Amino acid sequence: MVDRDLVLYNARVLIEYLDERFPHPPLMPVDPLSRAKSRLALFRIESDWFSLLGDIENGTEKKKIQARKALTESLINATEVFSAMPYFLSAEFSLLDCSIAPILWRLPHYGIELPSSSKPITSYMKRVFSRPSFQASLSEQERDMVA
């Protein structure tokens, strides 16, 4: 992303920059303790979930299967977290949701089906995916992923 003379290419730096550049409504908590918790959660999302996407999309068949299984199990293990609040670890839509939504949107494309015991995750997905801002963010190719 280019903004004036600034070129940003790291996803996390980009989303934090946008939150600071356009602060209303905030996508990160305002208090330092909650911001730190959100940053830790973002780190975990990147290291636990996003790190698997390369193998899911471009790995050997064996790597794809292993990565799909790991992502599925990790999501299932997080079911309780998805049920605790309306959004991920928050009562308000945040950068955490902006980070998680693209992965969850692509689950059918990746061949990942969540079990019925993961209803809190599917409810969360419906809540986030129905947001006009989420729908407006989708490219034509992304819309076709779940069609």
N, C-alpha and C. Protein backbone atom coordinates (compact mmCIF):
# COMPACT_ATOMS: atom_id res chain seq x y z
N MET A 1 0.84 -1.16 0.00
CA MET A 1 0.00 0.00 0.00
C MET A 1 0.89 1.23 0.00
N VAL A 2 0.51 2.20 -0.78
CA VAL A 2 1.25 3.45 -0.84
C VAL A 2 0.35 4.57 -0.32
N ASP A 3 0.86 5.32 0.65
CA ASP A 3 0.15 6.48 1.19
C ASP A 3 1.15 7.63 1.23
N ARG A 4 0.96 8.55 0.32
CA ARG A 4 1.91 9.65 0.14
C ARG A 4 3.28 9.08 -0.20
N ASP A 5 4.29 9.34 0.64
CA ASP A 5 5.64 8.84 0.37
C ASP A 5 5.92 7.54 1.11
N LEU A 6 4.92 6.98 1.75
CA LEU A 6 5.10 5.77 2.55
C LEU A 6 4.63 4.54 1.79
N VAL A 7 5.48 3.51 1.76
CA VAL A 7 5.13 2.25 1.12
C VAL A 7 5.10 1.19 2.21
N LEU A 8 3.95 0.54 2.38
CA LEU A 8 3.80 -0.51 3.39
C LEU A 8 3.55 -1.83 2.70
N TYR A 9 4.21 -2.88 3.18
CA TYR A 9 4.05 -4.19 2.55
C TYR A 9 3.81 -5.31 3.54
N ASN A 10 3.99 -5.10 4.82
CA ASN A 10 3.70 -6.12 5.82
C ASN A 10 2.26 -5.96 6.27
N ALA A 11 1.50 -7.05 6.25
CA ALA A 11 0.06 -6.98 6.55
C ALA A 11 -0.22 -6.40 7.92
N ARG A 12 0.52 -6.84 8.93
CA ARG A 12 0.24 -6.35 10.27
C ARG A 12 0.59 -4.88 10.41
N VAL A 13 1.71 -4.47 9.85
CA VAL A 13 2.09 -3.06 9.89
C VAL A 13 1.03 -2.23 9.17
N LEU A 14 0.57 -2.73 8.05
CA LEU A 14 -0.44 -2.04 7.26
C LEU A 14 -1.74 -1.84 8.05
N ILE A 15 -2.23 -2.90 8.69
CA ILE A 15 -3.51 -2.75 9.39
C ILE A 15 -3.38 -1.87 10.63
N GLU A 16 -2.23 -1.93 11.30
CA GLU A 16 -2.03 -1.05 12.45
C GLU A 16 -1.90 0.40 11.99
N TYR A 17 -1.24 0.61 10.86
CA TYR A 17 -1.12 1.96 10.31
C TYR A 17 -2.50 2.53 9.97
N LEU A 18 -3.31 1.72 9.31
CA LEU A 18 -4.65 2.19 8.93
C LEU A 18 -5.49 2.53 10.16
N ASP A 19 -5.34 1.72 11.22
CA ASP A 19 -6.07 2.00 12.45
C ASP A 19 -5.63 3.31 13.08
N GLU A 20 -4.35 3.61 13.00
CA GLU A 20 -3.84 4.86 13.57
C GLU A 20 -4.13 6.04 12.66
N ARG A 21 -4.08 5.81 11.35
CA ARG A 21 -4.33 6.89 10.37
C ARG A 21 -5.79 7.30 10.34
N PHE A 22 -6.68 6.34 10.49
CA PHE A 22 -8.13 6.59 10.48
C PHE A 22 -8.69 6.05 11.80
N PRO A 23 -8.55 6.81 12.87
CA PRO A 23 -8.82 6.29 14.22
C PRO A 23 -10.29 6.13 14.61
N HIS A 24 -11.20 6.58 13.78
CA HIS A 24 -12.61 6.48 14.18
C HIS A 24 -13.39 5.68 13.16
N PRO A 25 -14.01 4.59 13.51
CA PRO A 25 -13.94 3.94 14.82
C PRO A 25 -12.63 3.18 14.97
N PRO A 26 -12.13 3.08 16.20
CA PRO A 26 -10.87 2.36 16.40
C PRO A 26 -11.04 0.86 16.17
N LEU A 27 -10.03 0.23 15.58
CA LEU A 27 -10.05 -1.21 15.39
C LEU A 27 -9.16 -1.94 16.39
N MET A 28 -8.45 -1.17 17.20
CA MET A 28 -7.66 -1.73 18.30
C MET A 28 -8.18 -1.09 19.59
N PRO A 29 -8.13 -1.83 20.68
CA PRO A 29 -8.55 -1.23 21.96
C PRO A 29 -7.72 0.01 22.27
N VAL A 30 -8.30 0.91 23.04
CA VAL A 30 -7.60 2.15 23.34
C VAL A 30 -6.64 2.02 24.52
N ASP A 31 -6.96 1.17 25.46
CA ASP A 31 -6.10 1.06 26.64
C ASP A 31 -4.90 0.14 26.35
N PRO A 32 -3.74 0.44 26.91
CA PRO A 32 -2.51 -0.30 26.61
C PRO A 32 -2.59 -1.80 26.93
N LEU A 33 -3.23 -2.18 28.01
CA LEU A 33 -3.30 -3.60 28.36
C LEU A 33 -4.09 -4.38 27.31
N SER A 34 -5.24 -3.87 26.92
CA SER A 34 -6.05 -4.54 25.90
C SER A 34 -5.36 -4.53 24.54
N ARG A 35 -4.66 -3.45 24.22
CA ARG A 35 -3.90 -3.39 22.96
C ARG A 35 -2.83 -4.46 22.94
N ALA A 36 -2.13 -4.63 24.06
CA ALA A 36 -1.09 -5.65 24.14
C ALA A 36 -1.69 -7.04 23.97
N LYS A 37 -2.83 -7.29 24.59
CA LYS A 37 -3.50 -8.59 24.44
C LYS A 37 -3.89 -8.82 22.98
N SER A 38 -4.39 -7.79 22.33
CA SER A 38 -4.76 -7.90 20.92
C SER A 38 -3.54 -8.17 20.05
N ARG A 39 -2.44 -7.51 20.35
CA ARG A 39 -1.21 -7.74 19.57
C ARG A 39 -0.70 -9.17 19.76
N LEU A 40 -0.80 -9.70 20.98
CA LEU A 40 -0.42 -11.08 21.22
C LEU A 40 -1.32 -12.04 20.43
N ALA A 41 -2.61 -11.74 20.42
CA ALA A 41 -3.54 -12.58 19.66
C ALA A 41 -3.22 -12.50 18.17
N LEU A 42 -2.91 -11.32 17.66
CA LEU A 42 -2.53 -11.17 16.25
C LEU A 42 -1.27 -12.00 15.95
N PHE A 43 -0.32 -11.97 16.86
CA PHE A 43 0.89 -12.75 16.67
C PHE A 43 0.55 -14.24 16.59
N ARG A 44 -0.33 -14.71 17.47
CA ARG A 44 -0.72 -16.12 17.47
C ARG A 44 -1.47 -16.49 16.20
N ILE A 45 -2.33 -15.62 15.74
CA ILE A 45 -3.07 -15.87 14.50
C ILE A 45 -2.09 -16.01 13.34
N GLU A 46 -1.11 -15.11 13.28
CA GLU A 46 -0.11 -15.18 12.21
C GLU A 46 0.71 -16.46 12.31
N SER A 47 1.18 -16.77 13.51
CA SER A 47 2.08 -17.92 13.64
C SER A 47 1.34 -19.25 13.61
N ASP A 48 0.13 -19.31 14.13
CA ASP A 48 -0.60 -20.59 14.20
C ASP A 48 -1.46 -20.87 12.97
N TRP A 49 -2.06 -19.84 12.39
CA TRP A 49 -3.00 -20.06 11.29
C TRP A 49 -2.44 -19.62 9.94
N PHE A 50 -1.97 -18.39 9.87
CA PHE A 50 -1.47 -17.90 8.58
C PHE A 50 -0.25 -18.70 8.12
N SER A 51 0.55 -19.18 9.06
CA SER A 51 1.75 -19.93 8.68
C SER A 51 1.42 -21.22 7.94
N LEU A 52 0.20 -21.73 8.09
CA LEU A 52 -0.21 -22.97 7.43
C LEU A 52 -0.68 -22.75 5.98
N LEU A 53 -1.01 -21.52 5.65
CA LEU A 53 -1.64 -21.25 4.36
C LEU A 53 -0.73 -21.51 3.16
N GLY A 54 0.55 -21.28 3.33
CA GLY A 54 1.49 -21.55 2.23
C GLY A 54 1.45 -23.01 1.82
N ASP A 55 1.47 -23.90 2.80
CA ASP A 55 1.40 -25.33 2.48
C ASP A 55 0.02 -25.72 1.95
N ILE A 56 -1.03 -25.12 2.48
CA ILE A 56 -2.37 -25.44 1.98
C ILE A 56 -2.51 -25.03 0.52
N GLU A 57 -1.97 -23.89 0.17
CA GLU A 57 -2.13 -23.37 -1.18
C GLU A 57 -1.09 -23.91 -2.17
N ASN A 58 0.13 -24.15 -1.71
CA ASN A 58 1.20 -24.47 -2.65
C ASN A 58 2.05 -25.69 -2.28
N GLY A 59 1.73 -26.35 -1.22
CA GLY A 59 2.56 -27.46 -0.78
C GLY A 59 2.32 -28.73 -1.58
N THR A 60 3.13 -29.73 -1.30
CA THR A 60 2.89 -31.05 -1.88
C THR A 60 1.57 -31.56 -1.32
N GLU A 61 1.04 -32.60 -1.92
CA GLU A 61 -0.25 -33.12 -1.44
C GLU A 61 -0.17 -33.52 0.03
N LYS A 62 0.95 -34.12 0.42
CA LYS A 62 1.13 -34.52 1.82
C LYS A 62 1.14 -33.30 2.74
N LYS A 63 1.86 -32.25 2.33
CA LYS A 63 1.92 -31.02 3.13
C LYS A 63 0.55 -30.34 3.20
N LYS A 64 -0.19 -30.36 2.09
CA LYS A 64 -1.53 -29.77 2.08
C LYS A 64 -2.43 -30.47 3.09
N ILE A 65 -2.40 -31.78 3.09
CA ILE A 65 -3.23 -32.57 4.01
C ILE A 65 -2.85 -32.27 5.45
N GLN A 66 -1.56 -32.25 5.74
CA GLN A 66 -1.09 -31.97 7.10
C GLN A 66 -1.49 -30.56 7.54
N ALA A 67 -1.33 -29.58 6.65
CA ALA A 67 -1.66 -28.20 7.01
C ALA A 67 -3.17 -28.02 7.19
N ARG A 68 -3.97 -28.64 6.32
CA ARG A 68 -5.44 -28.58 6.48
C ARG A 68 -5.84 -29.16 7.84
N LYS A 69 -5.26 -30.31 8.16
CA LYS A 69 -5.58 -30.97 9.44
C LYS A 69 -5.17 -30.08 10.61
N ALA A 70 -3.99 -29.50 10.54
CA ALA A 70 -3.51 -28.63 11.62
C ALA A 70 -4.39 -27.40 11.79
N LEU A 71 -4.78 -26.78 10.68
CA LEU A 71 -5.64 -25.60 10.75
C LEU A 71 -7.01 -25.98 11.31
N THR A 72 -7.58 -27.07 10.83
CA THR A 72 -8.88 -27.52 11.31
C THR A 72 -8.83 -27.77 12.82
N GLU A 73 -7.84 -28.50 13.26
CA GLU A 73 -7.72 -28.81 14.69
C GLU A 73 -7.51 -27.56 15.53
N SER A 74 -6.71 -26.64 15.03
CA SER A 74 -6.46 -25.40 15.76
C SER A 74 -7.73 -24.57 15.88
N LEU A 75 -8.50 -24.49 14.80
CA LEU A 75 -9.77 -23.76 14.85
C LEU A 75 -10.73 -24.43 15.82
N ILE A 76 -10.84 -25.74 15.74
CA ILE A 76 -11.74 -26.47 16.64
C ILE A 76 -11.34 -26.23 18.09
N ASN A 77 -10.04 -26.23 18.36
CA ASN A 77 -9.57 -25.97 19.72
C ASN A 77 -9.89 -24.56 20.20
N ALA A 78 -10.11 -23.65 19.26
CA ALA A 78 -10.42 -22.26 19.61
C ALA A 78 -11.92 -22.00 19.68
N THR A 79 -12.74 -23.03 19.53
CA THR A 79 -14.20 -22.85 19.51
C THR A 79 -14.69 -22.06 20.72
N GLU A 80 -14.15 -22.37 21.88
CA GLU A 80 -14.59 -21.69 23.10
C GLU A 80 -14.30 -20.19 23.05
N VAL A 81 -13.18 -19.83 22.45
CA VAL A 81 -12.82 -18.41 22.33
C VAL A 81 -13.83 -17.70 21.43
N PHE A 82 -14.27 -18.36 20.37
CA PHE A 82 -15.26 -17.76 19.46
C PHE A 82 -16.62 -17.60 20.13
N SER A 83 -16.89 -18.39 21.14
CA SER A 83 -18.20 -18.31 21.79
C SER A 83 -18.24 -17.32 22.95
N ALA A 84 -17.08 -16.84 23.39
CA ALA A 84 -17.01 -15.98 24.57
C ALA A 84 -17.61 -14.59 24.36
N MET A 85 -17.44 -14.04 23.17
CA MET A 85 -17.89 -12.67 22.89
C MET A 85 -18.41 -12.61 21.45
N PRO A 86 -19.13 -11.56 21.11
CA PRO A 86 -19.65 -11.47 19.74
C PRO A 86 -18.57 -11.47 18.66
N TYR A 87 -17.44 -10.85 18.95
CA TYR A 87 -16.33 -10.84 18.01
C TYR A 87 -15.14 -11.52 18.68
N PHE A 88 -14.05 -11.67 17.96
CA PHE A 88 -12.92 -12.44 18.49
C PHE A 88 -12.27 -11.68 19.64
N LEU A 89 -12.47 -12.20 20.85
CA LEU A 89 -11.93 -11.64 22.09
C LEU A 89 -12.41 -10.23 22.37
N SER A 90 -13.54 -9.85 21.81
CA SER A 90 -14.01 -8.48 21.96
C SER A 90 -15.51 -8.36 21.74
N ALA A 91 -16.08 -7.36 22.37
CA ALA A 91 -17.49 -7.05 22.13
C ALA A 91 -17.65 -6.24 20.84
N GLU A 92 -16.54 -5.66 20.38
CA GLU A 92 -16.56 -4.82 19.18
C GLU A 92 -15.72 -5.45 18.07
N PHE A 93 -16.09 -5.18 16.84
CA PHE A 93 -15.32 -5.60 15.67
C PHE A 93 -13.94 -4.97 15.77
N SER A 94 -12.88 -5.76 15.50
CA SER A 94 -11.52 -5.23 15.67
C SER A 94 -10.58 -5.76 14.59
N LEU A 95 -9.31 -5.39 14.72
CA LEU A 95 -8.29 -5.87 13.79
C LEU A 95 -8.15 -7.38 13.86
N LEU A 96 -8.46 -7.96 15.00
CA LEU A 96 -8.41 -9.42 15.11
C LEU A 96 -9.40 -10.04 14.12
N ASP A 97 -10.58 -9.47 14.06
CA ASP A 97 -11.60 -9.98 13.13
C ASP A 97 -11.16 -9.75 11.68
N CYS A 98 -10.55 -8.59 11.43
CA CYS A 98 -10.05 -8.32 10.08
C CYS A 98 -8.98 -9.32 9.67
N SER A 99 -8.23 -9.83 10.64
CA SER A 99 -7.18 -10.80 10.35
C SER A 99 -7.72 -12.20 10.18
N ILE A 100 -8.70 -12.56 10.96
CA ILE A 100 -9.25 -13.92 10.94
C ILE A 100 -10.22 -14.14 9.78
N ALA A 101 -11.00 -13.15 9.45
CA ALA A 101 -12.07 -13.30 8.46
C ALA A 101 -11.57 -13.85 7.11
N PRO A 102 -10.45 -13.37 6.57
CA PRO A 102 -10.01 -13.92 5.27
C PRO A 102 -9.71 -15.42 5.31
N ILE A 103 -9.18 -15.88 6.42
CA ILE A 103 -8.91 -17.32 6.55
C ILE A 103 -10.23 -18.09 6.59
N LEU A 104 -11.13 -17.63 7.43
CA LEU A 104 -12.41 -18.33 7.59
C LEU A 104 -13.22 -18.31 6.29
N TRP A 105 -13.15 -17.20 5.56
CA TRP A 105 -13.87 -17.09 4.29
C TRP A 105 -13.39 -18.16 3.30
N ARG A 106 -12.10 -18.45 3.36
CA ARG A 106 -11.50 -19.38 2.41
C ARG A 106 -11.58 -20.85 2.83
N LEU A 107 -12.13 -21.15 3.98
CA LEU A 107 -12.17 -22.55 4.42
C LEU A 107 -12.78 -23.49 3.38
N PRO A 108 -13.93 -23.16 2.77
CA PRO A 108 -14.46 -24.07 1.74
C PRO A 108 -13.50 -24.22 0.56
N HIS A 109 -12.86 -23.14 0.18
CA HIS A 109 -11.89 -23.16 -0.92
C HIS A 109 -10.71 -24.07 -0.57
N TYR A 110 -10.33 -24.09 0.70
CA TYR A 110 -9.22 -24.93 1.15
C TYR A 110 -9.65 -26.38 1.40
N GLY A 111 -10.93 -26.65 1.26
CA GLY A 111 -11.41 -28.01 1.51
C GLY A 111 -11.54 -28.33 2.98
N ILE A 112 -11.76 -27.31 3.79
CA ILE A 112 -11.89 -27.51 5.24
C ILE A 112 -13.34 -27.34 5.64
N GLU A 113 -13.84 -28.35 6.28
CA GLU A 113 -15.21 -28.34 6.78
C GLU A 113 -15.17 -28.47 8.30
N LEU A 114 -15.79 -27.55 8.99
CA LEU A 114 -15.80 -27.60 10.45
C LEU A 114 -16.92 -28.52 10.91
N PRO A 115 -16.70 -29.26 12.00
CA PRO A 115 -17.74 -30.14 12.51
C PRO A 115 -18.87 -29.35 13.16
N SER A 116 -20.00 -30.01 13.36
CA SER A 116 -21.15 -29.33 13.96
C SER A 116 -20.85 -28.84 15.38
N SER A 117 -19.87 -29.43 16.04
CA SER A 117 -19.49 -28.97 17.38
C SER A 117 -18.85 -27.58 17.36
N SER A 118 -18.54 -27.09 16.19
CA SER A 118 -17.91 -25.77 16.05
C SER A 118 -18.92 -24.69 15.70
N LYS A 119 -20.15 -24.87 16.14
CA LYS A 119 -21.21 -23.90 15.84
C LYS A 119 -20.84 -22.46 16.24
N PRO A 120 -20.16 -22.25 17.37
CA PRO A 120 -19.77 -20.85 17.67
C PRO A 120 -18.91 -20.22 16.58
N ILE A 121 -18.09 -21.02 15.92
CA ILE A 121 -17.25 -20.47 14.85
C ILE A 121 -18.12 -20.13 13.64
N THR A 122 -19.02 -21.03 13.28
CA THR A 122 -19.88 -20.75 12.11
C THR A 122 -20.81 -19.58 12.39
N SER A 123 -21.27 -19.43 13.62
CA SER A 123 -22.09 -18.26 13.98
C SER A 123 -21.27 -16.98 13.87
N TYR A 124 -20.05 -17.03 14.35
CA TYR A 124 -19.13 -15.90 14.24
C TYR A 124 -18.92 -15.55 12.76
N MET A 125 -18.68 -16.57 11.94
CA MET A 125 -18.46 -16.34 10.52
C MET A 125 -19.66 -15.63 9.89
N LYS A 126 -20.85 -16.08 10.19
CA LYS A 126 -22.05 -15.44 9.63
C LYS A 126 -22.12 -13.98 10.06
N ARG A 127 -21.81 -13.73 11.34
CA ARG A 127 -21.87 -12.37 11.87
C ARG A 127 -20.87 -11.47 11.13
N VAL A 128 -19.65 -11.94 10.95
CA VAL A 128 -18.62 -11.13 10.31
C VAL A 128 -18.87 -11.01 8.81
N PHE A 129 -19.21 -12.11 8.16
CA PHE A 129 -19.40 -12.11 6.71
C PHE A 129 -20.61 -11.28 6.28
N SER A 130 -21.56 -11.08 7.18
CA SER A 130 -22.74 -10.29 6.82
C SER A 130 -22.51 -8.78 6.97
N ARG A 131 -21.39 -8.40 7.52
CA ARG A 131 -21.08 -6.98 7.67
C ARG A 131 -20.90 -6.35 6.28
N PRO A 132 -21.55 -5.23 6.03
CA PRO A 132 -21.38 -4.58 4.72
C PRO A 132 -19.92 -4.28 4.39
N SER A 133 -19.13 -3.92 5.39
CA SER A 133 -17.72 -3.61 5.13
C SER A 133 -16.96 -4.86 4.68
N PHE A 134 -17.32 -6.03 5.23
CA PHE A 134 -16.66 -7.25 4.79
C PHE A 134 -17.06 -7.57 3.35
N GLN A 135 -18.34 -7.50 3.07
CA GLN A 135 -18.82 -7.77 1.71
C GLN A 135 -18.19 -6.83 0.70
N ALA A 136 -18.05 -5.56 1.07
CA ALA A 136 -17.45 -4.58 0.16
C ALA A 136 -15.97 -4.85 -0.08
N SER A 137 -15.33 -5.53 0.86
CA SER A 137 -13.89 -5.78 0.74
C SER A 137 -13.56 -6.94 -0.20
N LEU A 138 -14.54 -7.76 -0.54
CA LEU A 138 -14.28 -8.96 -1.34
C LEU A 138 -14.09 -8.63 -2.81
N SER A 139 -13.07 -9.25 -3.38
CA SER A 139 -12.88 -9.14 -4.83
C SER A 139 -13.81 -10.14 -5.50
N GLU A 140 -13.92 -10.05 -6.81
CA GLU A 140 -14.75 -11.00 -7.55
C GLU A 140 -14.23 -12.44 -7.36
N GLN A 141 -12.92 -12.57 -7.39
CA GLN A 141 -12.30 -13.88 -7.19
C GLN A 141 -12.62 -14.44 -5.80
N GLU A 142 -12.60 -13.58 -4.78
CA GLU A 142 -12.91 -14.03 -3.43
C GLU A 142 -14.39 -14.42 -3.31
N ARG A 143 -15.26 -13.69 -3.97
CA ARG A 143 -16.68 -14.05 -3.95
C ARG A 143 -16.90 -15.43 -4.57
N ASP A 144 -16.15 -15.73 -5.62
CA ASP A 144 -16.27 -17.00 -6.30
C ASP A 144 -15.74 -18.17 -5.47
N MET A 145 -14.92 -17.90 -4.49
CA MET A 145 -14.33 -18.97 -3.67
C MET A 145 -15.38 -19.80 -2.93
N VAL A 146 -16.47 -19.17 -2.56
CA VAL A 146 -17.48 -19.87 -1.79
C VAL A 146 -18.77 -20.12 -2.58
N ALA A 147 -18.75 -19.73 -3.81
CA ALA A 147 -19.95 -19.90 -4.63
C ALA A 147 -20.16 -21.35 -5.00
